[in-house]
Amino acid sequence: MQRAWLQVIIGAIFEVMWVIGLKHAESILEWSVTVVAIFISFTLLIIAGEKLPVGTSYAVFVGLGTAGTVASEIIFFSEPFSMAKVSLIALLLVGVIGLKMVTKERGET
């Protein structure tokens, strides 16, 4: 896997952390971790944007973050499971994977 895409994926993982932190953080430590996760996620997205088209990398970042956040809420925070919700997330991921497959890094032919 190319380094820039790996940065987008890792950034999306940190996005899931900070989005959950915004909802569930209560202590100063939890808020501090949330702020650090925000910084890391956007820093990785910005660095990846130097090699990848910004629109595509942002769409992949947000799509993976959305899917991860919904999955985490269902698994860890007892959000109700809905087949419609899971189907729509799967459709979102198909679109994200499709964008990644048709996008070339800068400098590729």
PDB file of N, CA and C in Angstrom:
ATOM      1  N   MET A   1       0.849  -1.177   0.000  1.00  0.00           N
ATOM      2  CA  MET A   1       0.000   0.000   0.000  1.00  0.00           C
ATOM      3  C   MET A   1       0.890   1.233   0.000  1.00  0.00           C
ATOM      4  N   GLN A   2       0.502   2.200  -0.773  1.00  0.00           N
ATOM      5  CA  GLN A   2       1.314   3.403  -0.860  1.00  0.00           C
ATOM      6  C   GLN A   2       1.214   4.212   0.431  1.00  0.00           C
ATOM      7  N   ARG A   3       2.292   4.881   0.735  1.00  0.00           N
ATOM      8  CA  ARG A   3       2.416   5.618   1.993  1.00  0.00           C
ATOM      9  C   ARG A   3       1.313   6.664   2.201  1.00  0.00           C
ATOM     10  N   ALA A   4       0.968   7.408   1.153  1.00  0.00           N
ATOM     11  CA  ALA A   4      -0.046   8.454   1.300  1.00  0.00           C
ATOM     12  C   ALA A   4      -1.408   7.869   1.664  1.00  0.00           C
ATOM     13  N   TRP A   5      -1.768   6.741   1.038  1.00  0.00           N
ATOM     14  CA  TRP A   5      -3.046   6.108   1.377  1.00  0.00           C
ATOM     15  C   TRP A   5      -3.018   5.559   2.797  1.00  0.00           C
ATOM     16  N   LEU A   6      -1.888   5.051   3.216  1.00  0.00           N
ATOM     17  CA  LEU A   6      -1.758   4.573   4.589  1.00  0.00           C
ATOM     18  C   LEU A   6      -1.946   5.732   5.576  1.00  0.00           C
ATOM     19  N   GLN A   7      -1.423   6.895   5.231  1.00  0.00           N
ATOM     20  CA  GLN A   7      -1.611   8.075   6.077  1.00  0.00           C
ATOM     21  C   GLN A   7      -3.084   8.457   6.160  1.00  0.00           C
ATOM     22  N   VAL A   8      -3.803   8.368   5.051  1.00  0.00           N
ATOM     23  CA  VAL A   8      -5.238   8.665   5.065  1.00  0.00           C
ATOM     24  C   VAL A   8      -5.977   7.678   5.960  1.00  0.00           C
ATOM     25  N   ILE A   9      -5.641   6.401   5.865  1.00  0.00           N
ATOM     26  CA  ILE A   9      -6.312   5.371   6.662  1.00  0.00           C
ATOM     27  C   ILE A   9      -6.023   5.567   8.153  1.00  0.00           C
ATOM     28  N   ILE A  10      -4.770   5.807   8.492  1.00  0.00           N
ATOM     29  CA  ILE A  10      -4.423   6.032   9.904  1.00  0.00           C
ATOM     30  C   ILE A  10      -5.094   7.315  10.409  1.00  0.00           C
ATOM     31  N   GLY A  11      -5.106   8.333   9.569  1.00  0.00           N
ATOM     32  CA  GLY A  11      -5.801   9.577   9.930  1.00  0.00           C
ATOM     33  C   GLY A  11      -7.276   9.329  10.199  1.00  0.00           C
ATOM     34  N   ALA A  12      -7.905   8.466   9.405  1.00  0.00           N
ATOM     35  CA  ALA A  12      -9.316   8.138   9.603  1.00  0.00           C
ATOM     36  C   ALA A  12      -9.533   7.405  10.924  1.00  0.00           C
ATOM     37  N   ILE A  13      -8.588   6.563  11.304  1.00  0.00           N
ATOM     38  CA  ILE A  13      -8.687   5.874  12.605  1.00  0.00           C
ATOM     39  C   ILE A  13      -8.652   6.895  13.737  1.00  0.00           C
ATOM     40  N   PHE A  14      -7.756   7.872  13.622  1.00  0.00           N
ATOM     41  CA  PHE A  14      -7.711   8.926  14.637  1.00  0.00           C
ATOM     42  C   PHE A  14      -8.966   9.792  14.582  1.00  0.00           C
ATOM     43  N   GLU A  15      -9.558   9.939  13.400  1.00  0.00           N
ATOM     44  CA  GLU A  15     -10.812  10.679  13.298  1.00  0.00           C
ATOM     45  C   GLU A  15     -11.912  10.001  14.111  1.00  0.00           C
ATOM     46  N   VAL A  16     -11.985   8.681  14.009  1.00  0.00           N
ATOM     47  CA  VAL A  16     -12.976   7.935  14.793  1.00  0.00           C
ATOM     48  C   VAL A  16     -12.758   8.209  16.283  1.00  0.00           C
ATOM     49  N   MET A  17     -11.490   8.214  16.700  1.00  0.00           N
ATOM     50  CA  MET A  17     -11.182   8.449  18.118  1.00  0.00           C
ATOM     51  C   MET A  17     -11.664   9.827  18.568  1.00  0.00           C
ATOM     52  N   TRP A  18     -11.384  10.874  17.765  1.00  0.00           N
ATOM     53  CA  TRP A  18     -11.764  12.201  18.237  1.00  0.00           C
ATOM     54  C   TRP A  18     -13.252  12.462  18.134  1.00  0.00           C
ATOM     55  N   VAL A  19     -13.915  11.855  17.142  1.00  0.00           N
ATOM     56  CA  VAL A  19     -15.367  12.038  17.052  1.00  0.00           C
ATOM     57  C   VAL A  19     -16.052  11.395  18.257  1.00  0.00           C
ATOM     58  N   ILE A  20     -15.612  10.198  18.621  1.00  0.00           N
ATOM     59  CA  ILE A  20     -16.160   9.547  19.811  1.00  0.00           C
ATOM     60  C   ILE A  20     -15.800  10.350  21.055  1.00  0.00           C
ATOM     61  N   GLY A  21     -14.578  10.888  21.089  1.00  0.00           N
ATOM     62  CA  GLY A  21     -14.166  11.722  22.208  1.00  0.00           C
ATOM     63  C   GLY A  21     -15.035  12.950  22.375  1.00  0.00           C
ATOM     64  N   LEU A  22     -15.457  13.559  21.277  1.00  0.00           N
ATOM     65  CA  LEU A  22     -16.317  14.743  21.373  1.00  0.00           C
ATOM     66  C   LEU A  22     -17.633  14.415  22.068  1.00  0.00           C
ATOM     67  N   LYS A  23     -18.118  13.216  21.875  1.00  0.00           N
ATOM     68  CA  LYS A  23     -19.390  12.820  22.492  1.00  0.00           C
ATOM     69  C   LYS A  23     -19.223  12.298  23.912  1.00  0.00           C
ATOM     70  N   HIS A  24     -18.141  11.562  24.171  1.00  0.00           N
ATOM     71  CA  HIS A  24     -18.043  10.825  25.427  1.00  0.00           C
ATOM     72  C   HIS A  24     -17.001  11.356  26.416  1.00  0.00           C
ATOM     73  N   ALA A  25     -16.158  12.289  26.015  1.00  0.00           N
ATOM     74  CA  ALA A  25     -15.104  12.768  26.923  1.00  0.00           C
ATOM     75  C   ALA A  25     -15.716  13.534  28.093  1.00  0.00           C
ATOM     76  N   GLU A  26     -15.197  13.241  29.286  1.00  0.00           N
ATOM     77  CA  GLU A  26     -15.685  13.913  30.487  1.00  0.00           C
ATOM     78  C   GLU A  26     -14.551  14.509  31.319  1.00  0.00           C
ATOM     79  N   SER A  27     -13.400  13.851  31.327  1.00  0.00           N
ATOM     80  CA  SER A  27     -12.287  14.345  32.149  1.00  0.00           C
ATOM     81  C   SER A  27     -11.324  15.154  31.293  1.00  0.00           C
ATOM     82  N   ILE A  28     -10.437  15.871  31.954  1.00  0.00           N
ATOM     83  CA  ILE A  28      -9.437  16.663  31.243  1.00  0.00           C
ATOM     84  C   ILE A  28      -8.513  15.764  30.428  1.00  0.00           C
ATOM     85  N   LEU A  29      -8.203  14.578  30.940  1.00  0.00           N
ATOM     86  CA  LEU A  29      -7.369  13.635  30.200  1.00  0.00           C
ATOM     87  C   LEU A  29      -8.070  13.178  28.925  1.00  0.00           C
ATOM     88  N   GLU A  30      -9.351  12.832  29.016  1.00  0.00           N
ATOM     89  CA  GLU A  30     -10.100  12.396  27.839  1.00  0.00           C
ATOM     90  C   GLU A  30     -10.195  13.513  26.806  1.00  0.00           C
ATOM     91  N   TRP A  31     -10.396  14.750  27.254  1.00  0.00           N
ATOM     92  CA  TRP A  31     -10.441  15.882  26.333  1.00  0.00           C
ATOM     93  C   TRP A  31      -9.071  16.129  25.704  1.00  0.00           C
ATOM     94  N   SER A  32      -8.016  15.921  26.479  1.00  0.00           N
ATOM     95  CA  SER A  32      -6.663  16.085  25.938  1.00  0.00           C
ATOM     96  C   SER A  32      -6.379  15.057  24.848  1.00  0.00           C
ATOM     97  N   VAL A  33      -6.777  13.822  25.083  1.00  0.00           N
ATOM     98  CA  VAL A  33      -6.597  12.765  24.073  1.00  0.00           C
ATOM     99  C   VAL A  33      -7.406  13.108  22.820  1.00  0.00           C
ATOM    100  N   THR A  34      -8.590  13.643  23.004  1.00  0.00           N
ATOM    101  CA  THR A  34      -9.429  14.040  21.870  1.00  0.00           C
ATOM    102  C   THR A  34      -8.746  15.114  21.031  1.00  0.00           C
ATOM    103  N   VAL A  35      -8.179  16.118  21.684  1.00  0.00           N
ATOM    104  CA  VAL A  35      -7.495  17.206  20.969  1.00  0.00           C
ATOM    105  C   VAL A  35      -6.268  16.671  20.228  1.00  0.00           C
ATOM    106  N   VAL A  36      -5.506  15.792  20.861  1.00  0.00           N
ATOM    107  CA  VAL A  36      -4.334  15.191  20.207  1.00  0.00           C
ATOM    108  C   VAL A  36      -4.776  14.370  18.992  1.00  0.00           C
ATOM    109  N   ALA A  37      -5.867  13.633  19.120  1.00  0.00           N
ATOM    110  CA  ALA A  37      -6.374  12.835  17.997  1.00  0.00           C
ATOM    111  C   ALA A  37      -6.806  13.736  16.840  1.00  0.00           C
ATOM    112  N   ILE A  38      -7.416  14.880  17.137  1.00  0.00           N
ATOM    113  CA  ILE A  38      -7.779  15.841  16.090  1.00  0.00           C
ATOM    114  C   ILE A  38      -6.524  16.303  15.357  1.00  0.00           C
ATOM    115  N   PHE A  39      -5.513  16.675  16.118  1.00  0.00           N
ATOM    116  CA  PHE A  39      -4.266  17.158  15.521  1.00  0.00           C
ATOM    117  C   PHE A  39      -3.627  16.092  14.631  1.00  0.00           C
ATOM    118  N   ILE A  40      -3.530  14.866  15.136  1.00  0.00           N
ATOM    119  CA  ILE A  40      -2.898  13.783  14.370  1.00  0.00           C
ATOM    120  C   ILE A  40      -3.696  13.472  13.102  1.00  0.00           C
ATOM    121  N   SER A  41      -5.015  13.375  13.219  1.00  0.00           N
ATOM    122  CA  SER A  41      -5.822  13.000  12.056  1.00  0.00           C
ATOM    123  C   SER A  41      -5.700  14.023  10.939  1.00  0.00           C
ATOM    124  N   PHE A  42      -5.790  15.310  11.277  1.00  0.00           N
ATOM    125  CA  PHE A  42      -5.715  16.321  10.228  1.00  0.00           C
ATOM    126  C   PHE A  42      -4.294  16.513   9.710  1.00  0.00           C
ATOM    127  N   THR A  43      -3.301  16.318  10.563  1.00  0.00           N
ATOM    128  CA  THR A  43      -1.917  16.400  10.094  1.00  0.00           C
ATOM    129  C   THR A  43      -1.644  15.310   9.057  1.00  0.00           C
ATOM    130  N   LEU A  44      -2.092  14.087   9.337  1.00  0.00           N
ATOM    131  CA  LEU A  44      -1.895  13.002   8.384  1.00  0.00           C
ATOM    132  C   LEU A  44      -2.649  13.253   7.080  1.00  0.00           C
ATOM    133  N   LEU A  45      -3.859  13.814   7.174  1.00  0.00           N
ATOM    134  CA  LEU A  45      -4.616  14.131   5.969  1.00  0.00           C
ATOM    135  C   LEU A  45      -3.907  15.203   5.141  1.00  0.00           C
ATOM    136  N   ILE A  46      -3.379  16.215   5.791  1.00  0.00           N
ATOM    137  CA  ILE A  46      -2.667  17.286   5.091  1.00  0.00           C
ATOM    138  C   ILE A  46      -1.414  16.748   4.412  1.00  0.00           C
ATOM    139  N   ILE A  47      -0.667  15.901   5.103  1.00  0.00           N
ATOM    140  CA  ILE A  47       0.552  15.319   4.516  1.00  0.00           C
ATOM    141  C   ILE A  47       0.191  14.444   3.315  1.00  0.00           C
ATOM    142  N   ALA A  48      -0.864  13.638   3.439  1.00  0.00           N
ATOM    143  CA  ALA A  48      -1.284  12.784   2.322  1.00  0.00           C
ATOM    144  C   ALA A  48      -1.754  13.635   1.147  1.00  0.00           C
ATOM    145  N   GLY A  49      -2.343  14.793   1.431  1.00  0.00           N
ATOM    146  CA  GLY A  49      -2.820  15.682   0.380  1.00  0.00           C
ATOM    147  C   GLY A  49      -1.719  16.248  -0.489  1.00  0.00           C
ATOM    148  N   GLU A  50      -0.485  16.153  -0.036  1.00  0.00           N
ATOM    149  CA  GLU A  50       0.635  16.598  -0.860  1.00  0.00           C
ATOM    150  C   GLU A  50       0.885  15.635  -2.025  1.00  0.00           C
ATOM    151  N   LYS A  51       0.483  14.384  -1.881  1.00  0.00           N
ATOM    152  CA  LYS A  51       0.698  13.361  -2.916  1.00  0.00           C
ATOM    153  C   LYS A  51      -0.597  12.968  -3.636  1.00  0.00           C
ATOM    154  N   LEU A  52      -1.724  13.099  -2.956  1.00  0.00           N
ATOM    155  CA  LEU A  52      -3.005  12.653  -3.497  1.00  0.00           C
ATOM    156  C   LEU A  52      -3.891  13.850  -3.817  1.00  0.00           C
ATOM    157  N   PRO A  53      -4.842  13.678  -4.739  1.00  0.00           N
ATOM    158  CA  PRO A  53      -5.819  14.739  -4.958  1.00  0.00           C
ATOM    159  C   PRO A  53      -6.606  14.985  -3.670  1.00  0.00           C
ATOM    160  N   VAL A  54      -6.758  16.238  -3.313  1.00  0.00           N
ATOM    161  CA  VAL A  54      -7.360  16.583  -2.021  1.00  0.00           C
ATOM    162  C   VAL A  54      -8.796  16.083  -1.918  1.00  0.00           C
ATOM    163  N   GLY A  55      -9.581  16.244  -2.978  1.00  0.00           N
ATOM    164  CA  GLY A  55     -10.978  15.811  -2.926  1.00  0.00           C
ATOM    165  C   GLY A  55     -11.129  14.328  -2.674  1.00  0.00           C
ATOM    166  N   THR A  56     -10.325  13.543  -3.345  1.00  0.00           N
ATOM    167  CA  THR A  56     -10.400  12.088  -3.182  1.00  0.00           C
ATOM    168  C   THR A  56      -9.895  11.668  -1.818  1.00  0.00           C
ATOM    169  N   SER A  57      -8.763  12.226  -1.391  1.00  0.00           N
ATOM    170  CA  SER A  57      -8.229  11.825  -0.084  1.00  0.00           C
ATOM    171  C   SER A  57      -9.178  12.239   1.038  1.00  0.00           C
ATOM    172  N   TYR A  58      -9.809  13.403   0.907  1.00  0.00           N
ATOM    173  CA  TYR A  58     -10.761  13.836   1.933  1.00  0.00           C
ATOM    174  C   TYR A  58     -11.999  12.940   1.937  1.00  0.00           C
ATOM    175  N   ALA A  59     -12.491  12.560   0.754  1.00  0.00           N
ATOM    176  CA  ALA A  59     -13.659  11.677   0.678  1.00  0.00           C
ATOM    177  C   ALA A  59     -13.368  10.324   1.317  1.00  0.00           C
ATOM    178  N   VAL A  60     -12.185   9.774   1.053  1.00  0.00           N
ATOM    179  CA  VAL A  60     -11.798   8.500   1.656  1.00  0.00           C
ATOM    180  C   VAL A  60     -11.664   8.662   3.169  1.00  0.00           C
ATOM    181  N   PHE A  61     -11.018   9.721   3.612  1.00  0.00           N
ATOM    182  CA  PHE A  61     -10.826  10.026   5.034  1.00  0.00           C
ATOM    183  C   PHE A  61     -12.171  10.091   5.760  1.00  0.00           C
ATOM    184  N   VAL A  62     -13.087  10.870   5.229  1.00  0.00           N
ATOM    185  CA  VAL A  62     -14.392  11.049   5.877  1.00  0.00           C
ATOM    186  C   VAL A  62     -15.228   9.775   5.785  1.00  0.00           C
ATOM    187  N   GLY A  63     -15.175   9.097   4.639  1.00  0.00           N
ATOM    188  CA  GLY A  63     -15.939   7.857   4.495  1.00  0.00           C
ATOM    189  C   GLY A  63     -15.509   6.785   5.475  1.00  0.00           C
ATOM    190  N   LEU A  64     -14.191   6.595   5.586  1.00  0.00           N
ATOM    191  CA  LEU A  64     -13.689   5.615   6.551  1.00  0.00           C
ATOM    192  C   LEU A  64     -13.975   6.052   7.986  1.00  0.00           C
ATOM    193  N   GLY A  65     -13.845   7.345   8.237  1.00  0.00           N
ATOM    194  CA  GLY A  65     -14.151   7.863   9.575  1.00  0.00           C
ATOM    195  C   GLY A  65     -15.606   7.657   9.937  1.00  0.00           C
ATOM    196  N   THR A  66     -16.493   7.897   8.981  1.00  0.00           N
ATOM    197  CA  THR A  66     -17.926   7.701   9.217  1.00  0.00           C
ATOM    198  C   THR A  66     -18.240   6.236   9.491  1.00  0.00           C
ATOM    199  N   ALA A  67     -17.715   5.366   8.646  1.00  0.00           N
ATOM    200  CA  ALA A  67     -17.957   3.930   8.836  1.00  0.00           C
ATOM    201  C   ALA A  67     -17.404   3.454  10.174  1.00  0.00           C
ATOM    202  N   GLY A  68     -16.200   3.893  10.511  1.00  0.00           N
ATOM    203  CA  GLY A  68     -15.592   3.505  11.780  1.00  0.00           C
ATOM    204  C   GLY A  68     -16.346   4.032  12.987  1.00  0.00           C
ATOM    205  N   THR A  69     -16.840   5.246  12.878  1.00  0.00           N
ATOM    206  CA  THR A  69     -17.592   5.832  13.989  1.00  0.00           C
ATOM    207  C   THR A  69     -18.905   5.100  14.206  1.00  0.00           C
ATOM    208  N   VAL A  70     -19.627   4.818  13.136  1.00  0.00           N
ATOM    209  CA  VAL A  70     -20.892   4.084  13.265  1.00  0.00           C
ATOM    210  C   VAL A  70     -20.641   2.687  13.825  1.00  0.00           C
ATOM    211  N   ALA A  71     -19.629   1.996  13.309  1.00  0.00           N
ATOM    212  CA  ALA A  71     -19.309   0.657  13.815  1.00  0.00           C
ATOM    213  C   ALA A  71     -18.919   0.701  15.290  1.00  0.00           C
ATOM    214  N   SER A  72     -18.107   1.681  15.667  1.00  0.00           N
ATOM    215  CA  SER A  72     -17.682   1.803  17.069  1.00  0.00           C
ATOM    216  C   SER A  72     -18.857   2.085  17.993  1.00  0.00           C
ATOM    217  N   GLU A  73     -19.760   2.937  17.548  1.00  0.00           N
ATOM    218  CA  GLU A  73     -20.938   3.240  18.372  1.00  0.00           C
ATOM    219  C   GLU A  73     -21.790   1.989  18.578  1.00  0.00           C
ATOM    220  N   ILE A  74     -21.928   1.177  17.546  1.00  0.00           N
ATOM    221  CA  ILE A  74     -22.718  -0.061  17.665  1.00  0.00           C
ATOM    222  C   ILE A  74     -22.005  -1.062  18.574  1.00  0.00           C
ATOM    223  N   ILE A  75     -20.689  -1.228  18.370  1.00  0.00           N
ATOM    224  CA  ILE A  75     -19.941  -2.244  19.113  1.00  0.00           C
ATOM    225  C   ILE A  75     -19.696  -1.851  20.565  1.00  0.00           C
ATOM    226  N   PHE A  76     -19.268  -0.605  20.792  1.00  0.00           N
ATOM    227  CA  PHE A  76     -18.810  -0.212  22.128  1.00  0.00           C
ATOM    228  C   PHE A  76     -19.821   0.586  22.951  1.00  0.00           C
ATOM    229  N   PHE A  77     -20.798   1.218  22.298  1.00  0.00           N
ATOM    230  CA  PHE A  77     -21.680   2.127  23.029  1.00  0.00           C
ATOM    231  C   PHE A  77     -23.157   1.791  22.885  1.00  0.00           C
ATOM    232  N   SER A  78     -23.453   0.558  22.517  1.00  0.00           N
ATOM    233  CA  SER A  78     -24.823   0.021  22.497  1.00  0.00           C
ATOM    234  C   SER A  78     -25.797   0.813  21.630  1.00  0.00           C
ATOM    235  N   GLU A  79     -25.300   1.405  20.557  1.00  0.00           N
ATOM    236  CA  GLU A  79     -26.219   2.015  19.594  1.00  0.00           C
ATOM    237  C   GLU A  79     -27.023   0.890  18.954  1.00  0.00           C
ATOM    238  N   PRO A  80     -28.278   1.137  18.626  1.00  0.00           N
ATOM    239  CA  PRO A  80     -29.077   0.074  18.013  1.00  0.00           C
ATOM    240  C   PRO A  80     -28.522  -0.335  16.646  1.00  0.00           C
ATOM    241  N   PHE A  81     -28.479  -1.641  16.422  1.00  0.00           N
ATOM    242  CA  PHE A  81     -28.043  -2.190  15.137  1.00  0.00           C
ATOM    243  C   PHE A  81     -29.206  -2.094  14.161  1.00  0.00           C
ATOM    244  N   SER A  82     -28.922  -1.607  12.986  1.00  0.00           N
ATOM    245  CA  SER A  82     -29.947  -1.491  11.965  1.00  0.00           C
ATOM    246  C   SER A  82     -29.376  -1.983  10.640  1.00  0.00           C
ATOM    247  N   MET A  83     -30.101  -2.878   9.991  1.00  0.00           N
ATOM    248  CA  MET A  83     -29.642  -3.387   8.705  1.00  0.00           C
ATOM    249  C   MET A  83     -29.564  -2.249   7.691  1.00  0.00           C
ATOM    250  N   ALA A  84     -30.485  -1.308   7.760  1.00  0.00           N
ATOM    251  CA  ALA A  84     -30.464  -0.168   6.841  1.00  0.00           C
ATOM    252  C   ALA A  84     -29.190   0.649   7.052  1.00  0.00           C
ATOM    253  N   LYS A  85     -28.832   0.886   8.307  1.00  0.00           N
ATOM    254  CA  LYS A  85     -27.624   1.646   8.622  1.00  0.00           C
ATOM    255  C   LYS A  85     -26.374   0.938   8.101  1.00  0.00           C
ATOM    256  N   VAL A  86     -26.296  -0.352   8.333  1.00  0.00           N
ATOM    257  CA  VAL A  86     -25.141  -1.133   7.879  1.00  0.00           C
ATOM    258  C   VAL A  86     -25.085  -1.166   6.352  1.00  0.00           C
ATOM    259  N   SER A  87     -26.230  -1.300   5.704  1.00  0.00           N
ATOM    260  CA  SER A  87     -26.267  -1.309   4.240  1.00  0.00           C
ATOM    261  C   SER A  87     -25.796   0.021   3.661  1.00  0.00           C
ATOM    262  N   LEU A  88     -26.211   1.110   4.264  1.00  0.00           N
ATOM    263  CA  LEU A  88     -25.793   2.430   3.782  1.00  0.00           C
ATOM    264  C   LEU A  88     -24.302   2.665   4.011  1.00  0.00           C
ATOM    265  N   ILE A  89     -23.779   2.186   5.129  1.00  0.00           N
ATOM    266  CA  ILE A  89     -22.333   2.293   5.377  1.00  0.00           C
ATOM    267  C   ILE A  89     -21.571   1.453   4.353  1.00  0.00           C
ATOM    268  N   ALA A  90     -22.087   0.265   4.034  1.00  0.00           N
ATOM    269  CA  ALA A  90     -21.444  -0.575   3.023  1.00  0.00           C
ATOM    270  C   ALA A  90     -21.444   0.124   1.668  1.00  0.00           C
ATOM    271  N   LEU A  91     -22.548   0.776   1.328  1.00  0.00           N
ATOM    272  CA  LEU A  91     -22.617   1.527   0.080  1.00  0.00           C
ATOM    273  C   LEU A  91     -21.605   2.674   0.077  1.00  0.00           C
ATOM    274  N   LEU A  92     -21.479   3.352   1.196  1.00  0.00           N
ATOM    275  CA  LEU A  92     -20.486   4.420   1.332  1.00  0.00           C
ATOM    276  C   LEU A  92     -19.079   3.871   1.122  1.00  0.00           C
ATOM    277  N   LEU A  93     -18.779   2.738   1.721  1.00  0.00           N
ATOM    278  CA  LEU A  93     -17.453   2.143   1.577  1.00  0.00           C
ATOM    279  C   LEU A  93     -17.176   1.699   0.141  1.00  0.00           C
ATOM    280  N   VAL A  94     -18.186   1.223  -0.565  1.00  0.00           N
ATOM    281  CA  VAL A  94     -18.013   0.866  -1.973  1.00  0.00           C
ATOM    282  C   VAL A  94     -17.610   2.111  -2.764  1.00  0.00           C
ATOM    283  N   GLY A  95     -18.261   3.237  -2.493  1.00  0.00           N
ATOM    284  CA  GLY A  95     -17.904   4.480  -3.157  1.00  0.00           C
ATOM    285  C   GLY A  95     -16.500   4.933  -2.827  1.00  0.00           C
ATOM    286  N   VAL A  96     -16.107   4.817  -1.564  1.00  0.00           N
ATOM    287  CA  VAL A  96     -14.766   5.214  -1.128  1.00  0.00           C
ATOM    288  C   VAL A  96     -13.709   4.331  -1.794  1.00  0.00           C
ATOM    289  N   ILE A  97     -13.944   3.028  -1.817  1.00  0.00           N
ATOM    290  CA  ILE A  97     -12.995   2.107  -2.458  1.00  0.00           C
ATOM    291  C   ILE A  97     -12.906   2.399  -3.954  1.00  0.00           C
ATOM    292  N   GLY A  98     -14.037   2.680  -4.573  1.00  0.00           N
ATOM    293  CA  GLY A  98     -14.038   3.032  -5.984  1.00  0.00           C
ATOM    294  C   GLY A  98     -13.231   4.288  -6.265  1.00  0.00           C
ATOM    295  N   LEU A  99     -13.387   5.318  -5.425  1.00  0.00           N
ATOM    296  CA  LEU A  99     -12.595   6.542  -5.588  1.00  0.00           C
ATOM    297  C   LEU A  99     -11.107   6.254  -5.475  1.00  0.00           C
ATOM    298  N   LYS A 100     -10.752   5.436  -4.499  1.00  0.00           N
ATOM    299  CA  LYS A 100      -9.341   5.116  -4.319  1.00  0.00           C
ATOM    300  C   LYS A 100      -8.787   4.379  -5.529  1.00  0.00           C
ATOM    301  N   MET A 101      -9.573   3.490  -6.086  1.00  0.00           N
ATOM    302  CA  MET A 101      -9.096   2.675  -7.208  1.00  0.00           C
ATOM    303  C   MET A 101      -8.884   3.500  -8.484  1.00  0.00           C
ATOM    304  N   VAL A 102      -9.664   4.552  -8.678  1.00  0.00           N
ATOM    305  CA  VAL A 102      -9.541   5.336  -9.904  1.00  0.00           C
ATOM    306  C   VAL A 102      -8.651   6.559  -9.751  1.00  0.00           C
ATOM    307  N   THR A 103      -8.090   6.782  -8.570  1.00  0.00           N
ATOM    308  CA  THR A 103      -7.256   7.948  -8.322  1.00  0.00           C
ATOM    309  C   THR A 103      -5.788   7.580  -8.390  1.00  0.00           C
ATOM    310  N   LYS A 104      -5.031   8.400  -9.092  1.00  0.00           N
ATOM    311  CA  LYS A 104      -3.593   8.198  -9.183  1.00  0.00           C
ATOM    312  C   LYS A 104      -2.895   9.231  -8.314  1.00  0.00           C
ATOM    313  N   GLU A 105      -1.762   8.829  -7.741  1.00  0.00           N
ATOM    314  CA  GLU A 105      -0.941   9.779  -6.995  1.00  0.00           C
ATOM    315  C   GLU A 105      -0.314  10.752  -7.976  1.00  0.00           C
ATOM    316  N   ARG A 106       0.027  11.922  -7.497  1.00  0.00           N
ATOM    317  CA  ARG A 106       0.703  12.883  -8.351  1.00  0.00           C
ATOM    318  C   ARG A 106       2.030  12.316  -8.802  1.00  0.00           C
ATOM    319  N   GLY A 107       2.318  12.486 -10.080  1.00  0.00           N
ATOM    320  CA  GLY A 107       3.577  11.972 -10.616  1.00  0.00           C
ATOM    321  C   GLY A 107       3.423  10.621 -11.290  1.00  0.00           C
ATOM    322  N   GLU A 108       2.273   9.937 -11.087  1.00  0.00           N
ATOM    323  CA  GLU A 108       2.043   8.663 -11.768  1.00  0.00           C
ATOM    324  C   GLU A 108       1.485   8.935 -13.151  1.00  0.00           C
ATOM    325  N   THR A 109       1.697   8.013 -14.050  1.00  0.00           N
ATOM    326  CA  THR A 109       1.153   8.170 -15.411  1.00  0.00           C
ATOM    327  C   THR A 109      -0.016   7.253 -15.637  1.00  0.00           C
TER     328      THR A 109
END
